[in-house]
Each structure stands twice: as structure tokens, then as C-alpha cells.
Amino acid sequence: TGLGLRFSEDDFSADLEILLLRYHQVRDTTIP
């Protein structure tokens, strides 16, 4: 999740998205 800001006008658009991500696993011994 994070924050995003989108701008759009006529044929132009811009999108800035800043994310913080997490990974979590349970009982998978193949991943260290």
C-alpha cells in the first residue's frame, strides 16, 4: 500500500505511485 497521484488532461496522463511492500510466508522450508 502507499500513496498515488494521477494527473490527466486531454491526451496526456501521469501517475506517481509510492509503495511499501511486505512479504511473509509460513512453513515453506524451500525459502530461507
PDB file of all heavy atoms in Angstrom:
ATOM      1  N   THR A   1       0.844  -1.174   0.000  1.00  0.00           N
ATOM      2  CA  THR A   1       0.000   0.000   0.000  1.00  0.00           C
ATOM      3  C   THR A   1       0.885   1.230   0.000  1.00  0.00           C
ATOM      4  O   THR A   1       2.114   1.137   0.154  1.00  0.00           O
ATOM      5  CB  THR A   1      -0.960   0.016   1.205  1.00  0.00           C
ATOM      6  OG1 THR A   1      -1.904   1.091   1.043  1.00  0.00           O
ATOM      7  CG2 THR A   1      -0.203   0.206   2.504  1.00  0.00           C
ATOM      8  N   GLY A   2       0.275   2.383  -0.163  1.00  0.00           N
ATOM      9  CA  GLY A   2       1.056   3.616  -0.204  1.00  0.00           C
ATOM     10  C   GLY A   2       0.175   4.769  -0.634  1.00  0.00           C
ATOM     11  O   GLY A   2      -0.999   4.857  -0.244  1.00  0.00           O
ATOM     12  N   LEU A   3       0.728   5.643  -1.459  1.00  0.00           N
ATOM     13  CA  LEU A   3       0.002   6.816  -1.952  1.00  0.00           C
ATOM     14  C   LEU A   3       0.238   6.967  -3.442  1.00  0.00           C
ATOM     15  O   LEU A   3       1.304   6.625  -3.958  1.00  0.00           O
ATOM     16  CB  LEU A   3       0.459   8.080  -1.221  1.00  0.00           C
ATOM     17  CG  LEU A   3       0.140   8.182   0.269  1.00  0.00           C
ATOM     18  CD1 LEU A   3       0.803   9.420   0.864  1.00  0.00           C
ATOM     19  CD2 LEU A   3      -1.376   8.236   0.493  1.00  0.00           C
ATOM     20  N   GLY A   4      -0.772   7.478  -4.128  1.00  0.00           N
ATOM     21  CA  GLY A   4      -0.657   7.716  -5.553  1.00  0.00           C
ATOM     22  C   GLY A   4      -1.304   9.040  -5.927  1.00  0.00           C
ATOM     23  O   GLY A   4      -2.207   9.529  -5.247  1.00  0.00           O
ATOM     24  N   LEU A   5      -0.842   9.613  -7.033  1.00  0.00           N
ATOM     25  CA  LEU A   5      -1.402  10.853  -7.541  1.00  0.00           C
ATOM     26  C   LEU A   5      -1.443  10.764  -9.063  1.00  0.00           C
ATOM     27  O   LEU A   5      -0.418  10.520  -9.704  1.00  0.00           O
ATOM     28  CB  LEU A   5      -0.562  12.061  -7.110  1.00  0.00           C
ATOM     29  CG  LEU A   5      -1.062  13.436  -7.573  1.00  0.00           C
ATOM     30  CD1 LEU A   5      -2.438  13.728  -6.981  1.00  0.00           C
ATOM     31  CD2 LEU A   5      -0.056  14.524  -7.195  1.00  0.00           C
ATOM     32  N   ARG A   6      -2.642  10.956  -9.619  1.00  0.00           N
ATOM     33  CA  ARG A   6      -2.831  10.842 -11.065  1.00  0.00           C
ATOM     34  C   ARG A   6      -3.255  12.195 -11.635  1.00  0.00           C
ATOM     35  O   ARG A   6      -4.104  12.890 -11.075  1.00  0.00           O
ATOM     36  CB  ARG A   6      -3.877   9.784 -11.376  1.00  0.00           C
ATOM     37  CG  ARG A   6      -4.089   9.496 -12.847  1.00  0.00           C
ATOM     38  CD  ARG A   6      -5.065   8.341 -13.047  1.00  0.00           C
ATOM     39  NE  ARG A   6      -4.530   7.114 -12.474  1.00  0.00           N
ATOM     40  CZ  ARG A   6      -5.149   6.417 -11.533  1.00  0.00           C
ATOM     41  NH1 ARG A   6      -6.300   6.842 -11.035  1.00  0.00           N
ATOM     42  NH2 ARG A   6      -4.611   5.300 -11.072  1.00  0.00           N
ATOM     43  N   PHE A   7      -2.645  12.561 -12.756  1.00  0.00           N
ATOM     44  CA  PHE A   7      -2.997  13.790 -13.477  1.00  0.00           C
ATOM     45  C   PHE A   7      -3.415  13.406 -14.892  1.00  0.00           C
ATOM     46  O   PHE A   7      -2.761  12.589 -15.544  1.00  0.00           O
ATOM     47  CB  PHE A   7      -1.805  14.752 -13.535  1.00  0.00           C
ATOM     48  CG  PHE A   7      -2.057  15.949 -14.403  1.00  0.00           C
ATOM     49  CD1 PHE A   7      -2.734  17.050 -13.900  1.00  0.00           C
ATOM     50  CD2 PHE A   7      -1.620  15.983 -15.722  1.00  0.00           C
ATOM     51  CE1 PHE A   7      -2.975  18.165 -14.697  1.00  0.00           C
ATOM     52  CE2 PHE A   7      -1.852  17.085 -16.521  1.00  0.00           C
ATOM     53  CZ  PHE A   7      -2.524  18.180 -16.008  1.00  0.00           C
ATOM     54  N   SER A   8      -4.501  14.011 -15.380  1.00  0.00           N
ATOM     55  CA  SER A   8      -4.983  13.680 -16.711  1.00  0.00           C
ATOM     56  C   SER A   8      -5.571  14.923 -17.367  1.00  0.00           C
ATOM     57  O   SER A   8      -6.382  15.637 -16.745  1.00  0.00           O
ATOM     58  CB  SER A   8      -6.041  12.577 -16.638  1.00  0.00           C
ATOM     59  OG  SER A   8      -6.525  12.264 -17.915  1.00  0.00           O
ATOM     60  N   GLU A   9      -5.127  15.173 -18.585  1.00  0.00           N
ATOM     61  CA  GLU A   9      -5.674  16.293 -19.355  1.00  0.00           C
ATOM     62  C   GLU A   9      -5.496  16.001 -20.839  1.00  0.00           C
ATOM     63  O   GLU A   9      -4.382  15.779 -21.310  1.00  0.00           O
ATOM     64  CB  GLU A   9      -4.986  17.602 -18.991  1.00  0.00           C
ATOM     65  CG  GLU A   9      -5.586  18.806 -19.717  1.00  0.00           C
ATOM     66  CD  GLU A   9      -4.954  20.120 -19.282  1.00  0.00           C
ATOM     67  OE1 GLU A   9      -3.792  20.080 -18.822  1.00  0.00           O
ATOM     68  OE2 GLU A   9      -5.618  21.165 -19.404  1.00  0.00           O
ATOM     69  N   ASP A  10      -6.616  15.980 -21.558  1.00  0.00           N
ATOM     70  CA  ASP A  10      -6.610  15.698 -22.994  1.00  0.00           C
ATOM     71  C   ASP A  10      -5.908  14.371 -23.279  1.00  0.00           C
ATOM     72  O   ASP A  10      -6.313  13.349 -22.761  1.00  0.00           O
ATOM     73  CB  ASP A  10      -5.965  16.857 -23.758  1.00  0.00           C
ATOM     74  CG  ASP A  10      -6.720  18.171 -23.571  1.00  0.00           C
ATOM     75  OD1 ASP A  10      -7.947  18.112 -23.389  1.00  0.00           O
ATOM     76  OD2 ASP A  10      -6.073  19.232 -23.578  1.00  0.00           O
ATOM     77  N   ASP A  11      -4.844  14.394 -24.074  1.00  0.00           N
ATOM     78  CA  ASP A  11      -4.155  13.166 -24.475  1.00  0.00           C
ATOM     79  C   ASP A  11      -2.998  12.791 -23.554  1.00  0.00           C
ATOM     80  O   ASP A  11      -2.278  11.825 -23.828  1.00  0.00           O
ATOM     81  CB  ASP A  11      -3.608  13.308 -25.901  1.00  0.00           C
ATOM     82  CG  ASP A  11      -4.717  13.453 -26.924  1.00  0.00           C
ATOM     83  OD1 ASP A  11      -5.792  12.859 -26.717  1.00  0.00           O
ATOM     84  OD2 ASP A  11      -4.516  14.168 -27.924  1.00  0.00           O
ATOM     85  N   PHE A  12      -2.813  13.528 -22.479  1.00  0.00           N
ATOM     86  CA  PHE A  12      -1.667  13.276 -21.581  1.00  0.00           C
ATOM     87  C   PHE A  12      -2.152  12.855 -20.207  1.00  0.00           C
ATOM     88  O   PHE A  12      -3.130  13.397 -19.664  1.00  0.00           O
ATOM     89  CB  PHE A  12      -0.808  14.528 -21.447  1.00  0.00           C
ATOM     90  CG  PHE A  12       0.330  14.362 -20.481  1.00  0.00           C
ATOM     91  CD1 PHE A  12       1.484  13.685 -20.852  1.00  0.00           C
ATOM     92  CD2 PHE A  12       0.254  14.877 -19.190  1.00  0.00           C
ATOM     93  CE1 PHE A  12       2.535  13.516 -19.964  1.00  0.00           C
ATOM     94  CE2 PHE A  12       1.303  14.727 -18.296  1.00  0.00           C
ATOM     95  CZ  PHE A  12       2.453  14.048 -18.693  1.00  0.00           C
ATOM     96  N   SER A  13      -1.451  11.893 -19.619  1.00  0.00           N
ATOM     97  CA  SER A  13      -1.729  11.486 -18.242  1.00  0.00           C
ATOM     98  C   SER A  13      -0.419  11.100 -17.565  1.00  0.00           C
ATOM     99  O   SER A  13       0.526  10.635 -18.218  1.00  0.00           O
ATOM    100  CB  SER A  13      -2.714  10.308 -18.190  1.00  0.00           C
ATOM    101  OG  SER A  13      -2.158   9.165 -18.797  1.00  0.00           O
ATOM    102  N   ALA A  14      -0.354  11.304 -16.277  1.00  0.00           N
ATOM    103  CA  ALA A  14       0.818  10.943 -15.479  1.00  0.00           C
ATOM    104  C   ALA A  14       0.343  10.380 -14.149  1.00  0.00           C
ATOM    105  O   ALA A  14      -0.682  10.813 -13.606  1.00  0.00           O
ATOM    106  CB  ALA A  14       1.729  12.150 -15.258  1.00  0.00           C
ATOM    107  N   ASP A  15       1.092   9.416 -13.643  1.00  0.00           N
ATOM    108  CA  ASP A  15       0.697   8.714 -12.428  1.00  0.00           C
ATOM    109  C   ASP A  15       1.951   8.423 -11.609  1.00  0.00           C
ATOM    110  O   ASP A  15       2.851   7.729 -12.058  1.00  0.00           O
ATOM    111  CB  ASP A  15      -0.008   7.409 -12.810  1.00  0.00           C
ATOM    112  CG  ASP A  15      -0.638   6.715 -11.610  1.00  0.00           C
ATOM    113  OD1 ASP A  15      -0.138   6.884 -10.489  1.00  0.00           O
ATOM    114  OD2 ASP A  15      -1.629   6.005 -11.797  1.00  0.00           O
ATOM    115  N   LEU A  16       2.000   8.976 -10.403  1.00  0.00           N
ATOM    116  CA  LEU A  16       3.097   8.698  -9.478  1.00  0.00           C
ATOM    117  C   LEU A  16       2.547   7.869  -8.332  1.00  0.00           C
ATOM    118  O   LEU A  16       1.617   8.289  -7.639  1.00  0.00           O
ATOM    119  CB  LEU A  16       3.713   9.993  -8.948  1.00  0.00           C
ATOM    120  CG  LEU A  16       4.812   9.811  -7.884  1.00  0.00           C
ATOM    121  CD1 LEU A  16       6.003   9.046  -8.456  1.00  0.00           C
ATOM    122  CD2 LEU A  16       5.256  11.163  -7.328  1.00  0.00           C
ATOM    123  N   GLU A  17       3.146   6.671  -8.129  1.00  0.00           N
ATOM    124  CA  GLU A  17       2.683   5.771  -7.084  1.00  0.00           C
ATOM    125  C   GLU A  17       3.867   5.343  -6.227  1.00  0.00           C
ATOM    126  O   GLU A  17       4.875   4.850  -6.747  1.00  0.00           O
ATOM    127  CB  GLU A  17       2.009   4.546  -7.720  1.00  0.00           C
ATOM    128  CG  GLU A  17       1.360   3.605  -6.732  1.00  0.00           C
ATOM    129  CD  GLU A  17       0.577   2.514  -7.439  1.00  0.00           C
ATOM    130  OE1 GLU A  17      -0.599   2.744  -7.775  1.00  0.00           O
ATOM    131  OE2 GLU A  17       1.154   1.428  -7.673  1.00  0.00           O
ATOM    132  N   ILE A  18       3.753   5.519  -4.927  1.00  0.00           N
ATOM    133  CA  ILE A  18       4.807   5.167  -3.985  1.00  0.00           C
ATOM    134  C   ILE A  18       4.294   4.049  -3.091  1.00  0.00           C
ATOM    135  O   ILE A  18       3.296   4.216  -2.382  1.00  0.00           O
ATOM    136  CB  ILE A  18       5.232   6.384  -3.148  1.00  0.00           C
ATOM    137  CG1 ILE A  18       5.726   7.511  -4.068  1.00  0.00           C
ATOM    138  CG2 ILE A  18       6.312   6.002  -2.150  1.00  0.00           C
ATOM    139  CD1 ILE A  18       6.037   8.799  -3.341  1.00  0.00           C
ATOM    140  N   LEU A  19       4.984   2.892  -3.126  1.00  0.00           N
ATOM    141  CA  LEU A  19       4.507   1.708  -2.426  1.00  0.00           C
ATOM    142  C   LEU A  19       5.500   1.239  -1.373  1.00  0.00           C
ATOM    143  O   LEU A  19       6.718   1.304  -1.563  1.00  0.00           O
ATOM    144  CB  LEU A  19       4.293   0.557  -3.415  1.00  0.00           C
ATOM    145  CG  LEU A  19       3.152   0.675  -4.417  1.00  0.00           C
ATOM    146  CD1 LEU A  19       3.154  -0.537  -5.331  1.00  0.00           C
ATOM    147  CD2 LEU A  19       1.809   0.807  -3.711  1.00  0.00           C
ATOM    148  N   LEU A  20       4.952   0.737  -0.277  1.00  0.00           N
ATOM    149  CA  LEU A  20       5.678  -0.057   0.699  1.00  0.00           C
ATOM    150  C   LEU A  20       5.098  -1.464   0.635  1.00  0.00           C
ATOM    151  O   LEU A  20       3.879  -1.644   0.725  1.00  0.00           O
ATOM    152  CB  LEU A  20       5.527   0.518   2.104  1.00  0.00           C
ATOM    153  CG  LEU A  20       6.190   1.874   2.357  1.00  0.00           C
ATOM    154  CD1 LEU A  20       5.835   2.377   3.757  1.00  0.00           C
ATOM    155  CD2 LEU A  20       7.696   1.769   2.210  1.00  0.00           C
ATOM    156  N   LEU A  21       5.965  -2.470   0.466  1.00  0.00           N
ATOM    157  CA  LEU A  21       5.504  -3.835   0.289  1.00  0.00           C
ATOM    158  C   LEU A  21       6.102  -4.757   1.341  1.00  0.00           C
ATOM    159  O   LEU A  21       7.222  -4.527   1.809  1.00  0.00           O
ATOM    160  CB  LEU A  21       5.871  -4.346  -1.118  1.00  0.00           C
ATOM    161  CG  LEU A  21       5.314  -3.538  -2.284  1.00  0.00           C
ATOM    162  CD1 LEU A  21       6.454  -2.855  -3.014  1.00  0.00           C
ATOM    163  CD2 LEU A  21       4.526  -4.410  -3.239  1.00  0.00           C
ATOM    164  N   ARG A  22       5.325  -5.791   1.664  1.00  0.00           N
ATOM    165  CA  ARG A  22       5.783  -6.784   2.633  1.00  0.00           C
ATOM    166  C   ARG A  22       5.623  -8.186   2.048  1.00  0.00           C
ATOM    167  O   ARG A  22       4.714  -8.460   1.254  1.00  0.00           O
ATOM    168  CB  ARG A  22       4.965  -6.695   3.924  1.00  0.00           C
ATOM    169  CG  ARG A  22       5.194  -5.431   4.721  1.00  0.00           C
ATOM    170  CD  ARG A  22       6.498  -5.459   5.471  1.00  0.00           C
ATOM    171  NE  ARG A  22       6.529  -6.496   6.509  1.00  0.00           N
ATOM    172  CZ  ARG A  22       7.595  -6.767   7.252  1.00  0.00           C
ATOM    173  NH1 ARG A  22       8.727  -6.092   7.073  1.00  0.00           N
ATOM    174  NH2 ARG A  22       7.547  -7.710   8.169  1.00  0.00           N
ATOM    175  N   TYR A  23       6.546  -9.072   2.461  1.00  0.00           N
ATOM    176  CA  TYR A  23       6.456 -10.487   2.118  1.00  0.00           C
ATOM    177  C   TYR A  23       6.443 -11.290   3.404  1.00  0.00           C
ATOM    178  O   TYR A  23       7.195 -11.002   4.342  1.00  0.00           O
ATOM    179  CB  TYR A  23       7.646 -10.912   1.259  1.00  0.00           C
ATOM    180  CG  TYR A  23       7.835 -12.407   1.189  1.00  0.00           C
ATOM    181  CD1 TYR A  23       7.015 -13.199   0.388  1.00  0.00           C
ATOM    182  CD2 TYR A  23       8.819 -13.037   1.953  1.00  0.00           C
ATOM    183  CE1 TYR A  23       7.177 -14.573   0.346  1.00  0.00           C
ATOM    184  CE2 TYR A  23       8.988 -14.417   1.911  1.00  0.00           C
ATOM    185  CZ  TYR A  23       8.165 -15.178   1.109  1.00  0.00           C
ATOM    186  OH  TYR A  23       8.331 -16.530   1.069  1.00  0.00           O
ATOM    187  N   HIS A  24       5.569 -12.306   3.460  1.00  0.00           N
ATOM    188  CA  HIS A  24       5.518 -13.172   4.641  1.00  0.00           C
ATOM    189  C   HIS A  24       5.155 -14.584   4.178  1.00  0.00           C
ATOM    190  O   HIS A  24       4.355 -14.761   3.254  1.00  0.00           O
ATOM    191  CB  HIS A  24       4.475 -12.680   5.642  1.00  0.00           C
ATOM    192  CG  HIS A  24       4.347 -13.558   6.853  1.00  0.00           C
ATOM    193  ND1 HIS A  24       5.339 -13.665   7.805  1.00  0.00           N
ATOM    194  CD2 HIS A  24       3.340 -14.390   7.249  1.00  0.00           C
ATOM    195  CE1 HIS A  24       4.949 -14.512   8.748  1.00  0.00           C
ATOM    196  NE2 HIS A  24       3.751 -14.958   8.432  1.00  0.00           N
ATOM    197  N   GLN A  25       5.766 -15.573   4.801  1.00  0.00           N
ATOM    198  CA  GLN A  25       5.448 -16.965   4.471  1.00  0.00           C
ATOM    199  C   GLN A  25       5.459 -17.820   5.720  1.00  0.00           C
ATOM    200  O   GLN A  25       6.115 -17.503   6.709  1.00  0.00           O
ATOM    201  CB  GLN A  25       6.423 -17.510   3.416  1.00  0.00           C
ATOM    202  CG  GLN A  25       7.849 -17.733   3.904  1.00  0.00           C
ATOM    203  CD  GLN A  25       8.107 -19.161   4.353  1.00  0.00           C
ATOM    204  OE1 GLN A  25       7.271 -20.037   4.168  1.00  0.00           O
ATOM    205  NE2 GLN A  25       9.272 -19.380   4.947  1.00  0.00           N
ATOM    206  N   VAL A  26       4.703 -18.931   5.647  1.00  0.00           N
ATOM    207  CA  VAL A  26       4.577 -19.860   6.773  1.00  0.00           C
ATOM    208  C   VAL A  26       4.831 -21.278   6.278  1.00  0.00           C
ATOM    209  O   VAL A  26       4.186 -21.740   5.326  1.00  0.00           O
ATOM    210  CB  VAL A  26       3.171 -19.778   7.414  1.00  0.00           C
ATOM    211  CG1 VAL A  26       3.050 -20.795   8.558  1.00  0.00           C
ATOM    212  CG2 VAL A  26       2.892 -18.370   7.915  1.00  0.00           C
ATOM    213  N   ARG A  27       5.816 -21.947   6.871  1.00  0.00           N
ATOM    214  CA  ARG A  27       6.085 -23.379   6.695  1.00  0.00           C
ATOM    215  C   ARG A  27       6.652 -23.763   5.331  1.00  0.00           C
ATOM    216  O   ARG A  27       6.653 -24.938   4.994  1.00  0.00           O
ATOM    217  CB  ARG A  27       4.816 -24.209   6.959  1.00  0.00           C
ATOM    218  CG  ARG A  27       4.277 -24.112   8.369  1.00  0.00           C
ATOM    219  CD  ARG A  27       3.269 -25.217   8.613  1.00  0.00           C
ATOM    220  NE  ARG A  27       2.640 -25.103   9.918  1.00  0.00           N
ATOM    221  CZ  ARG A  27       1.438 -24.580  10.096  1.00  0.00           C
ATOM    222  NH1 ARG A  27       0.756 -24.149   9.069  1.00  0.00           N
ATOM    223  NH2 ARG A  27       0.936 -24.505  11.309  1.00  0.00           N
ATOM    224  N   ASP A  28       7.115 -22.861   4.555  1.00  0.00           N
ATOM    225  CA  ASP A  28       7.755 -23.251   3.294  1.00  0.00           C
ATOM    226  C   ASP A  28       9.263 -23.298   3.527  1.00  0.00           C
ATOM    227  O   ASP A  28       9.948 -22.274   3.538  1.00  0.00           O
ATOM    228  CB  ASP A  28       7.417 -22.262   2.181  1.00  0.00           C
ATOM    229  CG  ASP A  28       7.883 -22.762   0.816  1.00  0.00           C
ATOM    230  OD1 ASP A  28       8.725 -23.682   0.773  1.00  0.00           O
ATOM    231  OD2 ASP A  28       7.396 -22.247  -0.195  1.00  0.00           O
ATOM    232  N   THR A  29       9.775 -24.497   3.703  1.00  0.00           N
ATOM    233  CA  THR A  29      11.189 -24.656   4.043  1.00  0.00           C
ATOM    234  C   THR A  29      12.114 -24.466   2.849  1.00  0.00           C
ATOM    235  O   THR A  29      13.332 -24.447   3.017  1.00  0.00           O
ATOM    236  CB  THR A  29      11.425 -26.049   4.637  1.00  0.00           C
ATOM    237  OG1 THR A  29      10.996 -27.055   3.700  1.00  0.00           O
ATOM    238  CG2 THR A  29      10.640 -26.211   5.945  1.00  0.00           C
ATOM    239  N   THR A  30      11.572 -24.332   1.643  1.00  0.00           N
ATOM    240  CA  THR A  30      12.423 -24.106   0.470  1.00  0.00           C
ATOM    241  C   THR A  30      12.898 -22.666   0.377  1.00  0.00           C
ATOM    242  O   THR A  30      13.809 -22.365  -0.394  1.00  0.00           O
ATOM    243  CB  THR A  30      11.671 -24.464  -0.823  1.00  0.00           C
ATOM    244  OG1 THR A  30      10.544 -23.591  -0.974  1.00  0.00           O
ATOM    245  CG2 THR A  30      11.198 -25.900  -0.778  1.00  0.00           C
ATOM    246  N   ILE A  31      12.305 -21.780   1.154  1.00  0.00           N
ATOM    247  CA  ILE A  31      12.693 -20.372   1.152  1.00  0.00           C
ATOM    248  C   ILE A  31      13.395 -20.062   2.471  1.00  0.00           C
ATOM    249  O   ILE A  31      12.859 -20.347   3.552  1.00  0.00           O
ATOM    250  CB  ILE A  31      11.473 -19.464   0.952  1.00  0.00           C
ATOM    251  CG1 ILE A  31      10.843 -19.754  -0.413  1.00  0.00           C
ATOM    252  CG2 ILE A  31      11.855 -17.992   1.055  1.00  0.00           C
ATOM    253  CD1 ILE A  31       9.617 -18.958  -0.694  1.00  0.00           C
ATOM    254  N   PRO A  32      14.577 -19.460   2.424  1.00  0.00           N
ATOM    255  CA  PRO A  32      15.394 -19.319   3.632  1.00  0.00           C
ATOM    256  C   PRO A  32      14.961 -18.207   4.578  1.00  0.00           C
ATOM    257  O   PRO A  32      15.598 -18.023   5.612  1.00  0.00           O
ATOM    258  CB  PRO A  32      16.791 -19.035   3.069  1.00  0.00           C
ATOM    259  CG  PRO A  32      16.539 -18.397   1.749  1.00  0.00           C
ATOM    260  CD  PRO A  32      15.290 -19.027   1.213  1.00  0.00           C
TER     261      PRO A  32
END
